[in-house]
């Protein structure tokens, strides 16, 4: 009896999937080409003034097109390929997943000097992963962080002169 329970797929792990998917995507381990995923996304957001990326994980659709550079598309495709395995490995089933969405939004009007080296400008962002199961229950994980733009702190540079 206990063995059947252990092998039984459950809905509850979908919250862990939402958490792990979002954390992995924006982590320092997600490095593509010459920058991290979030670094590529922030550069493109600042360049285009489009501050919000929306992803339908199951339909494999990303918006807006202005944010979609090759490194961003490559990374998103890799993560979406991994999503079903992550669901299964966490003890749930893709049959339970009715929808799965990711949004990453930067606040381009708010910035700060990085608190460690004081050399760079950082921008805040929010990463949300929302999974809705076949019973209508919503599993949501929100992560709020800051990311360095690589832009030098001009105030610090002026002080050194």
Protein backbone atom coordinates (compact mmCIF):
# COMPACT_ATOMS: atom_id res chain seq x y z
CA UNK A 1 0.00 0.00 0.00
CA UNK A 2 2.76 2.47 0.93
CA UNK A 3 4.60 1.71 -2.32
CA UNK A 4 1.52 2.70 -4.37
CA UNK A 5 1.32 6.02 -2.48
CA UNK A 6 4.99 6.79 -3.14
CA UNK A 7 4.62 6.18 -6.89
CA UNK A 8 1.33 8.09 -7.13
CA UNK A 9 1.54 11.43 -8.95
CA UNK A 10 0.36 14.45 -6.93
CA UNK A 11 -0.71 18.03 -7.62
CA UNK A 12 1.05 19.60 -4.65
CA UNK A 13 4.56 19.55 -6.19
CA UNK A 14 3.40 22.07 -8.80
CA UNK A 15 4.20 24.86 -6.32
CA UNK A 16 7.78 23.59 -6.15
CA UNK A 17 7.87 23.44 -9.93
CA UNK A 18 6.78 27.09 -10.17
CA UNK A 19 9.44 28.07 -7.64
CA UNK A 20 12.24 26.03 -9.22
CA UNK A 21 11.41 27.02 -12.79
CA UNK A 22 11.51 30.74 -12.02
CA UNK A 23 14.61 30.54 -9.84
CA UNK A 24 16.50 28.47 -12.39
CA UNK A 25 15.65 30.72 -15.31
CA UNK A 26 16.89 33.90 -13.62
CA UNK A 27 19.80 32.29 -11.76
CA UNK A 28 23.48 33.01 -12.24
CA UNK A 29 23.78 29.49 -13.70
CA UNK A 30 21.76 30.51 -16.78
CA UNK A 31 24.64 31.99 -18.76
CA UNK A 32 24.33 32.32 -22.53
CA UNK A 33 27.10 33.57 -24.77
CA UNK A 34 28.53 36.64 -23.07
CA UNK A 35 25.99 37.30 -20.30
CA UNK A 36 23.38 35.80 -18.00
CA UNK A 37 19.80 35.42 -19.23
CA UNK A 38 18.60 38.31 -17.04
CA UNK A 39 21.49 40.47 -18.26
CA UNK A 40 20.50 39.90 -21.89
CA UNK A 41 16.87 40.62 -21.04
CA UNK A 42 17.67 43.83 -19.12
CA UNK A 43 19.88 45.15 -21.95
CA UNK A 44 17.09 44.55 -24.45
CA UNK A 45 14.45 46.02 -22.14
CA UNK A 46 16.48 49.21 -21.70
CA UNK A 47 17.17 49.40 -25.43
CA UNK A 48 13.53 48.95 -26.50
CA UNK A 49 11.79 50.45 -23.44
CA UNK A 50 9.73 47.23 -23.26
CA UNK A 51 9.95 46.26 -19.63
CA UNK A 52 7.78 43.11 -19.49
CA UNK A 53 8.40 39.67 -20.98
CA UNK A 54 5.43 37.29 -21.12
CA UNK A 55 5.82 33.59 -21.79
CA UNK A 56 3.17 30.92 -22.28
CA UNK A 57 5.22 27.87 -21.36
CA UNK A 58 2.86 25.23 -22.76
CA UNK A 59 2.16 27.03 -26.05
CA UNK A 60 5.84 28.08 -26.30
CA UNK A 61 4.91 31.69 -27.08
CA UNK A 62 6.91 34.77 -26.00
CA UNK A 63 5.92 38.45 -26.07
CA UNK A 64 6.76 41.17 -26.98
CA UNK A 65 8.87 40.41 -30.04
CA UNK A 66 11.06 43.48 -29.34
CA UNK A 67 12.65 41.67 -26.38
CA UNK A 68 13.44 38.48 -28.27
CA UNK A 69 17.12 38.34 -29.14
CA UNK A 70 18.77 35.05 -30.08
CA UNK A 71 20.23 34.40 -26.58
CA UNK A 72 16.85 35.08 -24.94
CA UNK A 73 14.98 32.79 -27.35
CA UNK A 74 17.60 30.05 -26.97
CA UNK A 75 17.41 30.15 -23.19
CA UNK A 76 13.60 30.22 -23.09
CA UNK A 77 13.41 27.26 -25.48
CA UNK A 78 15.87 25.29 -23.34
CA UNK A 79 13.84 25.97 -20.19
CA UNK A 80 10.53 25.12 -21.85
CA UNK A 81 12.03 21.84 -23.09
CA UNK A 82 13.00 21.10 -19.48
CA UNK A 83 9.61 22.02 -17.98
CA UNK A 84 7.83 18.65 -18.51
CA UNK A 85 10.78 16.76 -17.02
CA UNK A 86 10.81 19.12 -14.05
CA UNK A 87 7.08 18.49 -13.49
CA UNK A 88 7.51 14.71 -13.66
CA UNK A 89 10.72 14.68 -11.57
CA UNK A 90 8.94 16.61 -8.81
CA UNK A 91 6.22 13.97 -8.54
CA UNK A 92 3.46 15.62 -10.55
CA UNK A 93 2.23 14.91 -14.06
CA UNK A 94 1.95 17.09 -17.15
CA UNK A 95 -1.63 15.79 -17.34
CA UNK A 96 -2.32 17.98 -14.29
CA UNK A 97 -0.98 21.18 -15.90
CA UNK A 98 -3.75 23.16 -17.61
CA UNK A 99 -1.64 26.31 -18.11
CA UNK A 100 1.79 27.61 -17.20
CA UNK A 101 2.94 31.20 -17.62
CA UNK A 102 6.02 33.22 -16.80
CA UNK A 103 6.41 36.98 -16.64
CA UNK A 104 9.54 38.97 -15.94
CA UNK A 105 9.11 42.70 -15.50
CA UNK A 106 11.77 45.33 -14.89
CA UNK A 107 11.13 48.70 -13.29
CA UNK A 108 13.21 50.79 -15.69
CA UNK A 109 12.30 54.00 -13.83
CA UNK A 110 13.84 52.80 -10.58
CA UNK A 111 17.53 52.07 -10.10
CA UNK A 112 20.15 51.96 -7.39
CA UNK A 113 23.88 51.70 -7.05
CA UNK A 114 24.85 48.11 -6.36
CA UNK A 115 25.27 47.73 -2.59
CA UNK A 116 28.44 45.61 -2.71
CA UNK A 117 30.98 47.22 -5.04
CA UNK A 118 29.14 50.54 -5.61
CA UNK A 119 30.45 50.40 -9.20
CA UNK A 120 27.32 49.58 -11.19
CA UNK A 121 23.68 50.58 -11.61
CA UNK A 122 21.04 47.96 -10.80
CA UNK A 123 17.38 47.71 -11.78
CA UNK A 124 14.68 45.79 -9.92
CA UNK A 125 12.68 43.05 -11.54
CA UNK A 126 9.91 40.64 -10.63
CA UNK A 127 9.72 37.09 -11.97
CA UNK A 128 6.31 35.39 -11.67
CA UNK A 129 5.54 31.80 -12.55
CA UNK A 130 1.88 30.79 -12.47
CA UNK A 131 0.75 27.21 -13.01
CA UNK A 132 -2.95 26.31 -13.10
CA UNK A 133 -3.83 22.67 -12.62
CA UNK A 134 -6.64 20.59 -14.08
CA UNK A 135 -8.78 21.27 -10.99
CA UNK A 136 -8.43 25.06 -11.35
CA UNK A 137 -5.99 25.49 -8.46
CA UNK A 138 -3.33 28.15 -9.06
CA UNK A 139 0.29 27.69 -7.97
CA UNK A 140 2.17 30.97 -8.05
CA UNK A 141 5.75 31.84 -7.20
CA UNK A 142 6.98 35.42 -7.21
CA UNK A 143 10.63 36.37 -7.02
CA UNK A 144 11.82 39.96 -6.66
CA UNK A 145 15.47 40.79 -7.31
CA UNK A 146 17.85 43.46 -8.60
CA UNK A 147 20.11 43.03 -11.64
CA UNK A 148 23.15 45.01 -12.66
CA UNK A 149 22.97 46.63 -16.04
CA UNK A 150 26.76 46.68 -16.35
CA UNK A 151 26.40 50.47 -16.55
CA UNK A 152 29.07 52.21 -14.52
CA UNK A 153 28.18 54.37 -11.54
CA UNK A 154 29.01 57.80 -12.99
CA UNK A 155 28.84 59.48 -9.59
CA UNK A 156 31.63 57.21 -8.33
CA UNK A 157 33.69 57.91 -11.45
CA UNK A 158 33.33 61.69 -10.95
CA UNK A 159 34.42 61.38 -7.29
CA UNK A 160 37.69 59.69 -8.28
CA UNK A 161 38.74 62.59 -10.55
